[in-house]
Each structure stands twice: as C-alpha cells, then as structure tokens.
mmCIF file of all heavy atoms, coordinates in Angstrom:
data_MODEL
# 
_entry.id   MODEL 
# 
loop_
_atom_site.group_PDB 
_atom_site.id 
_atom_site.type_symbol 
_atom_site.label_atom_id 
_atom_site.label_alt_id 
_atom_site.label_comp_id 
_atom_site.label_asym_id 
_atom_site.label_entity_id 
_atom_site.label_seq_id 
_atom_site.pdbx_PDB_ins_code 
_atom_site.Cartn_x 
_atom_site.Cartn_y 
_atom_site.Cartn_z 
_atom_site.occupancy 
_atom_site.B_iso_or_equiv 
_atom_site.pdbx_formal_charge 
_atom_site.auth_seq_id 
_atom_site.auth_comp_id 
_atom_site.auth_asym_id 
_atom_site.auth_atom_id 
_atom_site.pdbx_PDB_model_num 
ATOM 1   N N   . ASP A 1 1  ? -42.520 15.471 -95.298  1.00 0.00 ? 1  ASP A N   1 
ATOM 2   C CA  . ASP A 1 1  ? -43.589 14.978 -94.457  1.00 0.00 ? 1  ASP A CA  1 
ATOM 3   C C   . ASP A 1 1  ? -44.314 16.009 -93.681  1.00 0.00 ? 1  ASP A C   1 
ATOM 4   O O   . ASP A 1 1  ? -43.955 17.192 -93.735  1.00 0.00 ? 1  ASP A O   1 
ATOM 5   C CB  . ASP A 1 1  ? -43.103 13.795 -93.572  1.00 0.00 ? 1  ASP A CB  1 
ATOM 6   C CG  . ASP A 1 1  ? -42.129 14.272 -92.418  1.00 0.00 ? 1  ASP A CG  1 
ATOM 7   O OD1 . ASP A 1 1  ? -42.127 15.496 -92.128  1.00 0.00 ? 1  ASP A OD1 1 
ATOM 8   O OD2 . ASP A 1 1  ? -41.509 13.365 -91.831  1.00 0.00 ? 1  ASP A OD2 1 
ATOM 9   N N   . ALA A 1 2  ? -45.332 15.613 -92.965  1.00 0.00 ? 2  ALA A N   1 
ATOM 10  C CA  . ALA A 1 2  ? -46.175 16.529 -92.221  1.00 0.00 ? 2  ALA A CA  1 
ATOM 11  C C   . ALA A 1 2  ? -45.367 17.300 -91.132  1.00 0.00 ? 2  ALA A C   1 
ATOM 12  O O   . ALA A 1 2  ? -45.756 18.425 -90.812  1.00 0.00 ? 2  ALA A O   1 
ATOM 13  C CB  . ALA A 1 2  ? -47.331 15.816 -91.583  1.00 0.00 ? 2  ALA A CB  1 
ATOM 14  N N   . ASP A 1 3  ? -44.245 16.692 -90.618  1.00 0.00 ? 3  ASP A N   1 
ATOM 15  C CA  . ASP A 1 3  ? -43.523 17.390 -89.613  1.00 0.00 ? 3  ASP A CA  1 
ATOM 16  C C   . ASP A 1 3  ? -42.451 18.242 -90.172  1.00 0.00 ? 3  ASP A C   1 
ATOM 17  O O   . ASP A 1 3  ? -41.642 18.863 -89.406  1.00 0.00 ? 3  ASP A O   1 
ATOM 18  C CB  . ASP A 1 3  ? -42.873 16.355 -88.735  1.00 0.00 ? 3  ASP A CB  1 
ATOM 19  C CG  . ASP A 1 3  ? -43.855 15.511 -87.898  1.00 0.00 ? 3  ASP A CG  1 
ATOM 20  O OD1 . ASP A 1 3  ? -44.942 16.128 -87.591  1.00 0.00 ? 3  ASP A OD1 1 
ATOM 21  O OD2 . ASP A 1 3  ? -43.659 14.322 -87.711  1.00 0.00 ? 3  ASP A OD2 1 
ATOM 22  N N   . GLY A 1 4  ? -42.370 18.408 -91.503  1.00 0.00 ? 4  GLY A N   1 
ATOM 23  C CA  . GLY A 1 4  ? -41.336 19.248 -92.143  1.00 0.00 ? 4  GLY A CA  1 
ATOM 24  C C   . GLY A 1 4  ? -40.035 18.613 -92.240  1.00 0.00 ? 4  GLY A C   1 
ATOM 25  O O   . GLY A 1 4  ? -39.064 19.289 -92.636  1.00 0.00 ? 4  GLY A O   1 
ATOM 26  N N   . VAL A 1 5  ? -40.000 17.288 -92.140  1.00 0.00 ? 5  VAL A N   1 
ATOM 27  C CA  . VAL A 1 5  ? -38.735 16.582 -92.343  1.00 0.00 ? 5  VAL A CA  1 
ATOM 28  C C   . VAL A 1 5  ? -38.623 16.181 -93.814  1.00 0.00 ? 5  VAL A C   1 
ATOM 29  O O   . VAL A 1 5  ? -39.602 15.665 -94.420  1.00 0.00 ? 5  VAL A O   1 
ATOM 30  C CB  . VAL A 1 5  ? -38.659 15.231 -91.457  1.00 0.00 ? 5  VAL A CB  1 
ATOM 31  C CG1 . VAL A 1 5  ? -37.440 14.423 -91.812  1.00 0.00 ? 5  VAL A CG1 1 
ATOM 32  C CG2 . VAL A 1 5  ? -38.807 15.574 -90.001  1.00 0.00 ? 5  VAL A CG2 1 
ATOM 33  N N   . LEU A 1 6  ? -37.490 16.510 -94.444  1.00 0.00 ? 6  LEU A N   1 
ATOM 34  C CA  . LEU A 1 6  ? -37.327 16.329 -95.834  1.00 0.00 ? 6  LEU A CA  1 
ATOM 35  C C   . LEU A 1 6  ? -36.459 15.101 -96.108  1.00 0.00 ? 6  LEU A C   1 
ATOM 36  O O   . LEU A 1 6  ? -35.423 14.974 -95.465  1.00 0.00 ? 6  LEU A O   1 
ATOM 37  C CB  . LEU A 1 6  ? -36.631 17.564 -96.425  1.00 0.00 ? 6  LEU A CB  1 
ATOM 38  C CG  . LEU A 1 6  ? -36.418 17.542 -97.998  1.00 0.00 ? 6  LEU A CG  1 
ATOM 39  C CD1 . LEU A 1 6  ? -37.759 17.444 -98.698  1.00 0.00 ? 6  LEU A CD1 1 
ATOM 40  C CD2 . LEU A 1 6  ? -35.695 18.843 -98.387  1.00 0.00 ? 6  LEU A CD2 1 
ATOM 41  N N   . SER A 1 7  ? -36.851 14.183 -97.058  1.00 0.00 ? 7  SER A N   1 
ATOM 42  C CA  . SER A 1 7  ? -36.137 12.955 -97.365  1.00 0.00 ? 7  SER A CA  1 
ATOM 43  C C   . SER A 1 7  ? -35.653 12.973 -98.777  1.00 0.00 ? 7  SER A C   1 
ATOM 44  O O   . SER A 1 7  ? -36.548 13.307 -99.602  1.00 0.00 ? 7  SER A O   1 
ATOM 45  C CB  . SER A 1 7  ? -37.004 11.756 -96.988  1.00 0.00 ? 7  SER A CB  1 
ATOM 46  O OG  . SER A 1 7  ? -37.410 11.728 -95.711  1.00 0.00 ? 7  SER A OG  1 
ATOM 47  N N   . VAL A 1 8  ? -34.425 12.520 -99.035  1.00 0.00 ? 8  VAL A N   1 
ATOM 48  C CA  . VAL A 1 8  ? -34.023 12.374 -100.389 1.00 0.00 ? 8  VAL A CA  1 
ATOM 49  C C   . VAL A 1 8  ? -33.302 10.997 -100.448 1.00 0.00 ? 8  VAL A C   1 
ATOM 50  O O   . VAL A 1 8  ? -32.475 10.653 -99.670  1.00 0.00 ? 8  VAL A O   1 
ATOM 51  C CB  . VAL A 1 8  ? -32.914 13.440 -100.782 1.00 0.00 ? 8  VAL A CB  1 
ATOM 52  C CG1 . VAL A 1 8  ? -32.429 13.231 -102.205 1.00 0.00 ? 8  VAL A CG1 1 
ATOM 53  C CG2 . VAL A 1 8  ? -33.545 14.844 -100.644 1.00 0.00 ? 8  VAL A CG2 1 
ATOM 54  N N   . ARG A 1 9  ? -33.833 10.147 -101.416 1.00 0.00 ? 9  ARG A N   1 
ATOM 55  C CA  . ARG A 1 9  ? -33.346 8.800  -101.542 1.00 0.00 ? 9  ARG A CA  1 
ATOM 56  C C   . ARG A 1 9  ? -33.021 8.546  -102.996 1.00 0.00 ? 9  ARG A C   1 
ATOM 57  O O   . ARG A 1 9  ? -33.630 9.072  -103.909 1.00 0.00 ? 9  ARG A O   1 
ATOM 58  C CB  . ARG A 1 9  ? -34.423 7.778  -101.141 1.00 0.00 ? 9  ARG A CB  1 
ATOM 59  C CG  . ARG A 1 9  ? -34.012 6.311  -101.239 1.00 0.00 ? 9  ARG A CG  1 
ATOM 60  C CD  . ARG A 1 9  ? -35.097 5.385  -100.828 1.00 0.00 ? 9  ARG A CD  1 
ATOM 61  N NE  . ARG A 1 9  ? -34.647 4.044  -101.146 1.00 0.00 ? 9  ARG A NE  1 
ATOM 62  C CZ  . ARG A 1 9  ? -35.416 3.005  -100.846 1.00 0.00 ? 9  ARG A CZ  1 
ATOM 63  N NH1 . ARG A 1 9  ? -36.607 3.075  -100.248 1.00 0.00 ? 9  ARG A NH1 1 
ATOM 64  N NH2 . ARG A 1 9  ? -35.090 1.778  -101.183 1.00 0.00 ? 9  ARG A NH2 1 
ATOM 65  N N   . ASP A 1 10 ? -31.881 7.753  -103.229 1.00 0.00 ? 10 ASP A N   1 
ATOM 66  C CA  . ASP A 1 10 ? -31.451 7.354  -104.547 1.00 0.00 ? 10 ASP A CA  1 
ATOM 67  C C   . ASP A 1 10 ? -31.112 5.839  -104.524 1.00 0.00 ? 10 ASP A C   1 
ATOM 68  O O   . ASP A 1 10 ? -31.054 5.276  -103.490 1.00 0.00 ? 10 ASP A O   1 
ATOM 69  C CB  . ASP A 1 10 ? -30.211 8.193  -104.993 1.00 0.00 ? 10 ASP A CB  1 
ATOM 70  C CG  . ASP A 1 10 ? -29.000 7.832  -104.196 1.00 0.00 ? 10 ASP A CG  1 
ATOM 71  O OD1 . ASP A 1 10 ? -28.488 6.731  -104.310 1.00 0.00 ? 10 ASP A OD1 1 
ATOM 72  O OD2 . ASP A 1 10 ? -28.538 8.774  -103.437 1.00 0.00 ? 10 ASP A OD2 1 
ATOM 73  N N   . ASP A 1 11 ? -31.154 5.312  -105.719 1.00 0.00 ? 11 ASP A N   1 
ATOM 74  C CA  . ASP A 1 11 ? -30.847 3.822  -105.859 1.00 0.00 ? 11 ASP A CA  1 
ATOM 75  C C   . ASP A 1 11 ? -29.491 3.628  -106.352 1.00 0.00 ? 11 ASP A C   1 
ATOM 76  O O   . ASP A 1 11 ? -29.246 2.760  -107.097 1.00 0.00 ? 11 ASP A O   1 
ATOM 77  C CB  . ASP A 1 11 ? -31.931 3.114  -106.684 1.00 0.00 ? 11 ASP A CB  1 
ATOM 78  C CG  . ASP A 1 11 ? -31.926 3.693  -108.079 1.00 0.00 ? 11 ASP A CG  1 
ATOM 79  O OD1 . ASP A 1 11 ? -31.266 4.764  -108.393 1.00 0.00 ? 11 ASP A OD1 1 
ATOM 80  O OD2 . ASP A 1 11 ? -32.575 3.157  -108.980 1.00 0.00 ? 11 ASP A OD2 1 
ATOM 81  N N   . GLY A 1 12 ? -28.562 4.481  -105.933 1.00 0.00 ? 12 GLY A N   1 
ATOM 82  C CA  . GLY A 1 12 ? -27.158 4.420  -106.332 1.00 0.00 ? 12 GLY A CA  1 
ATOM 83  C C   . GLY A 1 12 ? -26.368 3.387  -105.531 1.00 0.00 ? 12 GLY A C   1 
ATOM 84  O O   . GLY A 1 12 ? -26.905 2.406  -104.995 1.00 0.00 ? 12 GLY A O   1 
ATOM 85  N N   . ARG A 1 13 ? -25.081 3.676  -105.465 1.00 0.00 ? 13 ARG A N   1 
ATOM 86  C CA  . ARG A 1 13 ? -24.182 2.659  -104.811 1.00 0.00 ? 13 ARG A CA  1 
ATOM 87  C C   . ARG A 1 13 ? -24.257 2.665  -103.344 1.00 0.00 ? 13 ARG A C   1 
ATOM 88  O O   . ARG A 1 13 ? -23.823 1.649  -102.650 1.00 0.00 ? 13 ARG A O   1 
ATOM 89  C CB  . ARG A 1 13 ? -22.728 2.962  -105.258 1.00 0.00 ? 13 ARG A CB  1 
ATOM 90  C CG  . ARG A 1 13 ? -22.470 2.704  -106.791 1.00 0.00 ? 13 ARG A CG  1 
ATOM 91  C CD  . ARG A 1 13 ? -21.051 3.296  -107.147 1.00 0.00 ? 13 ARG A CD  1 
ATOM 92  N NE  . ARG A 1 13 ? -21.155 4.749  -107.134 1.00 0.00 ? 13 ARG A NE  1 
ATOM 93  C CZ  . ARG A 1 13 ? -20.087 5.513  -107.597 1.00 0.00 ? 13 ARG A CZ  1 
ATOM 94  N NH1 . ARG A 1 13 ? -19.033 4.947  -107.906 1.00 0.00 ? 13 ARG A NH1 1 
ATOM 95  N NH2 . ARG A 1 13 ? -20.252 6.864  -107.616 1.00 0.00 ? 13 ARG A NH2 1 
ATOM 96  N N   . GLY A 1 14 ? -24.739 3.781  -102.722 1.00 0.00 ? 14 GLY A N   1 
ATOM 97  C CA  . GLY A 1 14 ? -24.754 3.819  -101.283 1.00 0.00 ? 14 GLY A CA  1 
ATOM 98  C C   . GLY A 1 14 ? -23.498 4.337  -100.736 1.00 0.00 ? 14 GLY A C   1 
ATOM 99  O O   . GLY A 1 14 ? -22.395 3.972  -101.182 1.00 0.00 ? 14 GLY A O   1 
ATOM 100 N N   . ILE A 1 15 ? -23.499 5.248  -99.781  1.00 0.00 ? 15 ILE A N   1 
ATOM 101 C CA  . ILE A 1 15 ? -22.302 5.728  -99.113  1.00 0.00 ? 15 ILE A CA  1 
ATOM 102 C C   . ILE A 1 15 ? -21.526 4.610  -98.464  1.00 0.00 ? 15 ILE A C   1 
ATOM 103 O O   . ILE A 1 15 ? -22.128 3.814  -97.790  1.00 0.00 ? 15 ILE A O   1 
ATOM 104 C CB  . ILE A 1 15 ? -22.643 6.771  -98.049  1.00 0.00 ? 15 ILE A CB  1 
ATOM 105 C CG1 . ILE A 1 15 ? -23.413 7.960  -98.690  1.00 0.00 ? 15 ILE A CG1 1 
ATOM 106 C CG2 . ILE A 1 15 ? -21.352 7.274  -97.374  1.00 0.00 ? 15 ILE A CG2 1 
ATOM 107 C CD1 . ILE A 1 15 ? -23.890 8.989  -97.628  1.00 0.00 ? 15 ILE A CD1 1 
ATOM 108 N N   . PRO A 1 16 ? -20.195 4.476  -98.668  1.00 0.00 ? 16 PRO A N   1 
ATOM 109 C CA  . PRO A 1 16 ? -19.425 3.357  -98.059  1.00 0.00 ? 16 PRO A CA  1 
ATOM 110 C C   . PRO A 1 16 ? -19.594 3.399  -96.504  1.00 0.00 ? 16 PRO A C   1 
ATOM 111 O O   . PRO A 1 16 ? -19.705 4.536  -95.894  1.00 0.00 ? 16 PRO A O   1 
ATOM 112 C CB  . PRO A 1 16 ? -18.003 3.719  -98.533  1.00 0.00 ? 16 PRO A CB  1 
ATOM 113 C CG  . PRO A 1 16 ? -18.138 4.523  -99.690  1.00 0.00 ? 16 PRO A CG  1 
ATOM 114 C CD  . PRO A 1 16 ? -19.434 5.377  -99.583  1.00 0.00 ? 16 PRO A CD  1 
ATOM 115 N N   . VAL A 1 17 ? -19.647 2.220  -95.935  1.00 0.00 ? 17 VAL A N   1 
ATOM 116 C CA  . VAL A 1 17 ? -19.914 2.065  -94.532  1.00 0.00 ? 17 VAL A CA  1 
ATOM 117 C C   . VAL A 1 17 ? -18.691 1.380  -93.786  1.00 0.00 ? 17 VAL A C   1 
ATOM 118 O O   . VAL A 1 17 ? -18.706 1.218  -92.560  1.00 0.00 ? 17 VAL A O   1 
ATOM 119 C CB  . VAL A 1 17 ? -21.187 1.278  -94.243  1.00 0.00 ? 17 VAL A CB  1 
ATOM 120 C CG1 . VAL A 1 17 ? -22.342 2.092  -94.684  1.00 0.00 ? 17 VAL A CG1 1 
ATOM 121 C CG2 . VAL A 1 17 ? -21.183 -0.125 -94.916  1.00 0.00 ? 17 VAL A CG2 1 
ATOM 122 N N   . ASP A 1 18 ? -17.689 0.896  -94.613  1.00 0.00 ? 18 ASP A N   1 
ATOM 123 C CA  . ASP A 1 18 ? -16.540 0.201  -93.957  1.00 0.00 ? 18 ASP A CA  1 
ATOM 124 C C   . ASP A 1 18 ? -15.662 1.147  -93.157  1.00 0.00 ? 18 ASP A C   1 
ATOM 125 O O   . ASP A 1 18 ? -15.771 2.416  -93.406  1.00 0.00 ? 18 ASP A O   1 
ATOM 126 C CB  . ASP A 1 18 ? -15.724 -0.492 -95.002  1.00 0.00 ? 18 ASP A CB  1 
ATOM 127 C CG  . ASP A 1 18 ? -15.487 0.391  -96.192  1.00 0.00 ? 18 ASP A CG  1 
ATOM 128 O OD1 . ASP A 1 18 ? -16.355 1.042  -96.693  1.00 0.00 ? 18 ASP A OD1 1 
ATOM 129 O OD2 . ASP A 1 18 ? -14.361 0.430  -96.668  1.00 0.00 ? 18 ASP A OD2 1 
ATOM 130 N N   . PRO A 1 19 ? -14.916 0.742  -92.235  1.00 0.00 ? 19 PRO A N   1 
ATOM 131 C CA  . PRO A 1 19 ? -14.023 1.520  -91.488  1.00 0.00 ? 19 PRO A CA  1 
ATOM 132 C C   . PRO A 1 19 ? -13.113 2.492  -92.308  1.00 0.00 ? 19 PRO A C   1 
ATOM 133 O O   . PRO A 1 19 ? -12.599 1.963  -93.300  1.00 0.00 ? 19 PRO A O   1 
ATOM 134 C CB  . PRO A 1 19 ? -13.210 0.594  -90.548  1.00 0.00 ? 19 PRO A CB  1 
ATOM 135 C CG  . PRO A 1 19 ? -14.030 -0.651 -90.568  1.00 0.00 ? 19 PRO A CG  1 
ATOM 136 C CD  . PRO A 1 19 ? -14.750 -0.736 -91.886  1.00 0.00 ? 19 PRO A CD  1 
ATOM 137 N N   . HIS A 1 20 ? -13.005 3.726  -91.904  1.00 0.00 ? 20 HIS A N   1 
ATOM 138 C CA  . HIS A 1 20 ? -12.108 4.640  -92.677  1.00 0.00 ? 20 HIS A CA  1 
ATOM 139 C C   . HIS A 1 20 ? -10.702 4.480  -92.241  1.00 0.00 ? 20 HIS A C   1 
ATOM 140 O O   . HIS A 1 20 ? -10.417 4.478  -91.030  1.00 0.00 ? 20 HIS A O   1 
ATOM 141 C CB  . HIS A 1 20 ? -12.567 6.056  -92.405  1.00 0.00 ? 20 HIS A CB  1 
ATOM 142 C CG  . HIS A 1 20 ? -12.018 6.991  -93.448  1.00 0.00 ? 20 HIS A CG  1 
ATOM 143 N ND1 . HIS A 1 20 ? -10.719 7.459  -93.438  1.00 0.00 ? 20 HIS A ND1 1 
ATOM 144 C CD2 . HIS A 1 20 ? -12.526 7.506  -94.642  1.00 0.00 ? 20 HIS A CD2 1 
ATOM 145 C CE1 . HIS A 1 20 ? -10.526 8.291  -94.432  1.00 0.00 ? 20 HIS A CE1 1 
ATOM 146 N NE2 . HIS A 1 20 ? -11.610 8.308  -95.188  1.00 0.00 ? 20 HIS A NE2 1 
ATOM 147 N N   . PRO A 1 21 ? -9.752  4.286  -93.167  1.00 0.00 ? 21 PRO A N   1 
ATOM 148 C CA  . PRO A 1 21 ? -8.321  3.967  -92.828  1.00 0.00 ? 21 PRO A CA  1 
ATOM 149 C C   . PRO A 1 21 ? -7.693  5.135  -92.010  1.00 0.00 ? 21 PRO A C   1 
ATOM 150 O O   . PRO A 1 21 ? -6.760  4.818  -91.248  1.00 0.00 ? 21 PRO A O   1 
ATOM 151 C CB  . PRO A 1 21 ? -7.627  3.763  -94.176  1.00 0.00 ? 21 PRO A CB  1 
ATOM 152 C CG  . PRO A 1 21 ? -8.515  4.405  -95.190  1.00 0.00 ? 21 PRO A CG  1 
ATOM 153 C CD  . PRO A 1 21 ? -9.938  4.264  -94.642  1.00 0.00 ? 21 PRO A CD  1 
ATOM 154 N N   . LYS A 1 22 ? -8.093  6.357  -92.194  1.00 0.00 ? 22 LYS A N   1 
ATOM 155 C CA  . LYS A 1 22 ? -7.368  7.481  -91.535  1.00 0.00 ? 22 LYS A CA  1 
ATOM 156 C C   . LYS A 1 22 ? -8.173  7.972  -90.235  1.00 0.00 ? 22 LYS A C   1 
ATOM 157 O O   . LYS A 1 22 ? -7.647  8.794  -89.556  1.00 0.00 ? 22 LYS A O   1 
ATOM 158 C CB  . LYS A 1 22 ? -7.340  8.695  -92.517  1.00 0.00 ? 22 LYS A CB  1 
ATOM 159 C CG  . LYS A 1 22 ? -6.322  8.500  -93.639  1.00 0.00 ? 22 LYS A CG  1 
ATOM 160 C CD  . LYS A 1 22 ? -6.141  9.714  -94.498  1.00 0.00 ? 22 LYS A CD  1 
ATOM 161 C CE  . LYS A 1 22 ? -5.112  9.475  -95.550  1.00 0.00 ? 22 LYS A CE  1 
ATOM 162 N NZ  . LYS A 1 22 ? -4.977  10.775 -96.412  1.00 0.00 ? 22 LYS A NZ  1 
ATOM 163 N N   . HIS A 1 23 ? -9.379  7.354  -90.021  1.00 0.00 ? 23 HIS A N   1 
ATOM 164 C CA  . HIS A 1 23 ? -10.122 7.620  -88.801  1.00 0.00 ? 23 HIS A CA  1 
ATOM 165 C C   . HIS A 1 23 ? -10.491 6.430  -88.055  1.00 0.00 ? 23 HIS A C   1 
ATOM 166 O O   . HIS A 1 23 ? -11.557 5.886  -88.289  1.00 0.00 ? 23 HIS A O   1 
ATOM 167 C CB  . HIS A 1 23 ? -11.399 8.429  -89.214  1.00 0.00 ? 23 HIS A CB  1 
ATOM 168 C CG  . HIS A 1 23 ? -11.005 9.851  -89.829  1.00 0.00 ? 23 HIS A CG  1 
ATOM 169 N ND1 . HIS A 1 23 ? -10.936 10.945 -88.993  1.00 0.00 ? 23 HIS A ND1 1 
ATOM 170 C CD2 . HIS A 1 23 ? -10.777 10.157 -91.103  1.00 0.00 ? 23 HIS A CD2 1 
ATOM 171 C CE1 . HIS A 1 23 ? -10.626 11.979 -89.826  1.00 0.00 ? 23 HIS A CE1 1 
ATOM 172 N NE2 . HIS A 1 23 ? -10.560 11.492 -91.000  1.00 0.00 ? 23 HIS A NE2 1 
ATOM 173 N N   . PRO A 1 24 ? -9.569  5.872  -87.279  1.00 0.00 ? 24 PRO A N   1 
ATOM 174 C CA  . PRO A 1 24 ? -9.829  4.604  -86.576  1.00 0.00 ? 24 PRO A CA  1 
ATOM 175 C C   . PRO A 1 24 ? -11.099 4.740  -85.707  1.00 0.00 ? 24 PRO A C   1 
ATOM 176 O O   . PRO A 1 24 ? -11.292 5.749  -85.034  1.00 0.00 ? 24 PRO A O   1 
ATOM 177 C CB  . PRO A 1 24 ? -8.585  4.405  -85.676  1.00 0.00 ? 24 PRO A CB  1 
ATOM 178 C CG  . PRO A 1 24 ? -7.521  5.236  -86.368  1.00 0.00 ? 24 PRO A CG  1 
ATOM 179 C CD  . PRO A 1 24 ? -8.236  6.344  -86.996  1.00 0.00 ? 24 PRO A CD  1 
# 
C-alpha cells in the first residue's frame, strides 16, 4: 500500500486460533 505496508493473504486453512496446550 501507499504507506509501505505489505500484505500477504491466502485462502488456506488459516493459522489455528484455539488455546495452545503448552502455553496456557
């Protein structure tokens, strides 16, 4: 974009968002 911010998007599975078992 005009401010030099770079965006990368895919239509894949998406990074998991559920709580991580080893990092409460």
